[in-house]
Amino acid sequence: GQMLRPEDEVGKPNLHMAGELHVSGQAQYLDDMPPLPNELHCELVVSTKAHAKILSIDSSKAKAVSGFVDFVTHKDVKGHKMIGAIVHDEEVFASEEVHSCGQ
């Protein structure tokens, strides 16, 4: 095929493949889909402190919720536990210390 030159594309609209669906309200989002049979939902327990040591985690309120299935912590993650957008320097689930609110 013919190679496009930057001067042929600059300043021209570049349509997103789902753009028409989004602007017309026809796009289907995850929240628009009905739940599947036996579908599980996850709720994360996150830190309310900007920097803190984890002394304990009280899971009693979670376990009291009707339909409760499991409470997962860093101990349940097998194998590689570090994540990050560029540098993998954050634990999937904090084990000893949090470094930001919402972690």
C-alpha atoms as a PDB file:
ATOM      1  CA  GLY A   1       0.000   0.000   0.000  1.00  0.00           C
ATOM      2  CA  GLN A   2       0.841   3.615  -0.194  1.00  0.00           C
ATOM      3  CA  MET A   3       2.699   5.094   2.789  1.00  0.00           C
ATOM      4  CA  LEU A   4       0.924   7.991   4.490  1.00  0.00           C
ATOM      5  CA  ARG A   5       2.922  11.135   5.056  1.00  0.00           C
ATOM      6  CA  PRO A   6       2.407  13.210   8.232  1.00  0.00           C
ATOM      7  CA  GLU A   7       1.395  16.236   6.185  1.00  0.00           C
ATOM      8  CA  ASP A   8      -1.436  14.176   4.659  1.00  0.00           C
ATOM      9  CA  GLU A   9      -2.895  13.354   8.109  1.00  0.00           C
ATOM     10  CA  VAL A  10      -2.226  16.371  10.345  1.00  0.00           C
ATOM     11  CA  GLY A  11      -5.338  18.449  10.931  1.00  0.00           C
ATOM     12  CA  LYS A  12      -7.718  15.782   9.635  1.00  0.00           C
ATOM     13  CA  PRO A  13     -10.218  13.940  11.848  1.00  0.00           C
ATOM     14  CA  ASN A  14      -9.168  10.521  13.052  1.00  0.00           C
ATOM     15  CA  LEU A  15     -12.370   8.683  13.927  1.00  0.00           C
ATOM     16  CA  HIS A  16     -12.340   6.175  16.758  1.00  0.00           C
ATOM     17  CA  MET A  17     -13.708   2.786  15.698  1.00  0.00           C
ATOM     18  CA  ALA A  18     -16.462   2.939  18.386  1.00  0.00           C
ATOM     19  CA  GLY A  19     -16.980   6.707  18.266  1.00  0.00           C
ATOM     20  CA  GLU A  20     -20.390   6.568  16.557  1.00  0.00           C
ATOM     21  CA  LEU A  21     -21.648   4.050  19.120  1.00  0.00           C
ATOM     22  CA  HIS A  22     -20.458   6.247  21.996  1.00  0.00           C
ATOM     23  CA  VAL A  23     -21.948   9.530  20.781  1.00  0.00           C
ATOM     24  CA  SER A  24     -25.238   7.924  19.718  1.00  0.00           C
ATOM     25  CA  GLY A  25     -25.750   6.158  23.057  1.00  0.00           C
ATOM     26  CA  GLN A  26     -25.659   2.724  21.398  1.00  0.00           C
ATOM     27  CA  ALA A  27     -22.359   1.586  22.956  1.00  0.00           C
ATOM     28  CA  GLN A  28     -22.780  -1.225  25.465  1.00  0.00           C
ATOM     29  CA  TYR A  29     -20.828  -0.856  28.674  1.00  0.00           C
ATOM     30  CA  LEU A  30     -20.184  -3.451  31.346  1.00  0.00           C
ATOM     31  CA  ASP A  31     -22.719  -1.828  33.682  1.00  0.00           C
ATOM     32  CA  ASP A  32     -25.346  -2.101  30.922  1.00  0.00           C
ATOM     33  CA  MET A  33     -25.033  -5.887  30.754  1.00  0.00           C
ATOM     34  CA  PRO A  34     -27.247  -8.137  32.867  1.00  0.00           C
ATOM     35  CA  PRO A  35     -25.407 -10.183  35.501  1.00  0.00           C
ATOM     36  CA  LEU A  36     -24.462 -13.739  34.618  1.00  0.00           C
ATOM     37  CA  PRO A  37     -25.830 -16.641  36.684  1.00  0.00           C
ATOM     38  CA  ASN A  38     -23.759 -17.119  39.857  1.00  0.00           C
ATOM     39  CA  GLU A  39     -21.707 -14.012  39.060  1.00  0.00           C
ATOM     40  CA  LEU A  40     -19.471 -12.844  41.915  1.00  0.00           C
ATOM     41  CA  HIS A  41     -18.788  -9.229  42.808  1.00  0.00           C
ATOM     42  CA  CYS A  42     -15.650  -7.898  44.441  1.00  0.00           C
ATOM     43  CA  GLU A  43     -15.312  -5.084  46.953  1.00  0.00           C
ATOM     44  CA  LEU A  44     -11.838  -3.773  47.753  1.00  0.00           C
ATOM     45  CA  VAL A  45     -10.845  -2.700  51.249  1.00  0.00           C
ATOM     46  CA  VAL A  46      -8.515   0.243  50.765  1.00  0.00           C
ATOM     47  CA  SER A  47      -6.461   2.410  53.066  1.00  0.00           C
ATOM     48  CA  THR A  48      -7.881   5.626  54.492  1.00  0.00           C
ATOM     49  CA  LYS A  49      -4.360   6.654  55.523  1.00  0.00           C
ATOM     50  CA  ALA A  50      -1.748   8.247  53.258  1.00  0.00           C
ATOM     51  CA  HIS A  51       1.122   6.308  54.819  1.00  0.00           C
ATOM     52  CA  ALA A  52       0.660   3.614  57.439  1.00  0.00           C
ATOM     53  CA  LYS A  53       1.772   0.229  58.668  1.00  0.00           C
ATOM     54  CA  ILE A  54      -0.832  -2.521  58.430  1.00  0.00           C
ATOM     55  CA  LEU A  55      -1.272  -3.849  61.943  1.00  0.00           C
ATOM     56  CA  SER A  56      -4.399  -5.899  61.280  1.00  0.00           C
ATOM     57  CA  ILE A  57      -7.347  -6.226  58.897  1.00  0.00           C
ATOM     58  CA  ASP A  58     -10.802  -6.789  60.359  1.00  0.00           C
ATOM     59  CA  SER A  59     -12.812  -8.850  57.878  1.00  0.00           C
ATOM     60  CA  SER A  60     -15.795  -9.436  60.204  1.00  0.00           C
ATOM     61  CA  LYS A  61     -18.094  -6.909  58.463  1.00  0.00           C
ATOM     62  CA  ALA A  62     -17.344  -8.410  55.057  1.00  0.00           C
ATOM     63  CA  LYS A  63     -17.983 -11.920  56.306  1.00  0.00           C
ATOM     64  CA  ALA A  64     -21.335 -10.812  57.753  1.00  0.00           C
ATOM     65  CA  VAL A  65     -22.686  -9.729  54.336  1.00  0.00           C
ATOM     66  CA  SER A  66     -25.300 -12.065  52.876  1.00  0.00           C
ATOM     67  CA  GLY A  67     -23.764 -14.168  50.087  1.00  0.00           C
ATOM     68  CA  PHE A  68     -20.179 -13.617  51.290  1.00  0.00           C
ATOM     69  CA  VAL A  69     -17.785 -16.043  49.564  1.00  0.00           C
ATOM     70  CA  ASP A  70     -14.187 -15.157  50.443  1.00  0.00           C
ATOM     71  CA  PHE A  71     -11.822 -12.541  51.833  1.00  0.00           C
ATOM     72  CA  VAL A  72      -8.591 -12.380  49.809  1.00  0.00           C
ATOM     73  CA  THR A  73      -5.327 -10.864  51.068  1.00  0.00           C
ATOM     74  CA  HIS A  74      -1.700 -10.710  49.967  1.00  0.00           C
ATOM     75  CA  LYS A  75      -1.235 -14.193  51.436  1.00  0.00           C
ATOM     76  CA  ASP A  76      -3.556 -15.604  48.755  1.00  0.00           C
ATOM     77  CA  VAL A  77      -1.568 -14.210  45.813  1.00  0.00           C
ATOM     78  CA  LYS A  78       0.772 -16.875  44.479  1.00  0.00           C
ATOM     79  CA  GLY A  79       3.781 -16.147  42.316  1.00  0.00           C
ATOM     80  CA  HIS A  80       4.605 -12.615  41.147  1.00  0.00           C
ATOM     81  CA  LYS A  81       3.005 -10.075  43.519  1.00  0.00           C
ATOM     82  CA  MET A  82       4.388  -6.793  42.180  1.00  0.00           C
ATOM     83  CA  ILE A  83       2.530  -4.558  39.713  1.00  0.00           C
ATOM     84  CA  GLY A  84       2.848  -1.092  38.208  1.00  0.00           C
ATOM     85  CA  ALA A  85       2.094   0.773  35.001  1.00  0.00           C
ATOM     86  CA  ILE A  86       5.756   1.282  34.128  1.00  0.00           C
ATOM     87  CA  VAL A  87       7.852   0.014  37.035  1.00  0.00           C
ATOM     88  CA  HIS A  88       6.498  -2.999  38.895  1.00  0.00           C
ATOM     89  CA  ASP A  89       7.055  -1.536  42.353  1.00  0.00           C
ATOM     90  CA  GLU A  90       3.683  -1.936  44.085  1.00  0.00           C
ATOM     91  CA  GLU A  91       2.200  -5.045  45.661  1.00  0.00           C
ATOM     92  CA  VAL A  92      -1.091  -6.366  44.255  1.00  0.00           C
ATOM     93  CA  PHE A  93      -2.385  -6.329  47.850  1.00  0.00           C
ATOM     94  CA  ALA A  94      -0.323  -4.448  50.441  1.00  0.00           C
ATOM     95  CA  SER A  95       1.205  -6.788  53.017  1.00  0.00           C
ATOM     96  CA  GLU A  96       2.926  -4.615  55.620  1.00  0.00           C
ATOM     97  CA  GLU A  97       2.601  -0.954  54.676  1.00  0.00           C
ATOM     98  CA  VAL A  98       0.513   1.374  52.496  1.00  0.00           C
ATOM     99  CA  HIS A  99       1.930   4.452  50.811  1.00  0.00           C
ATOM    100  CA  SER A 100      -1.228   6.263  49.701  1.00  0.00           C
ATOM    101  CA  CYS A 101      -4.926   6.616  50.441  1.00  0.00           C
ATOM    102  CA  GLY A 102      -6.909   4.111  48.428  1.00  0.00           C
ATOM    103  CA  GLN A 103      -4.066   1.610  48.246  1.00  0.00           C
END
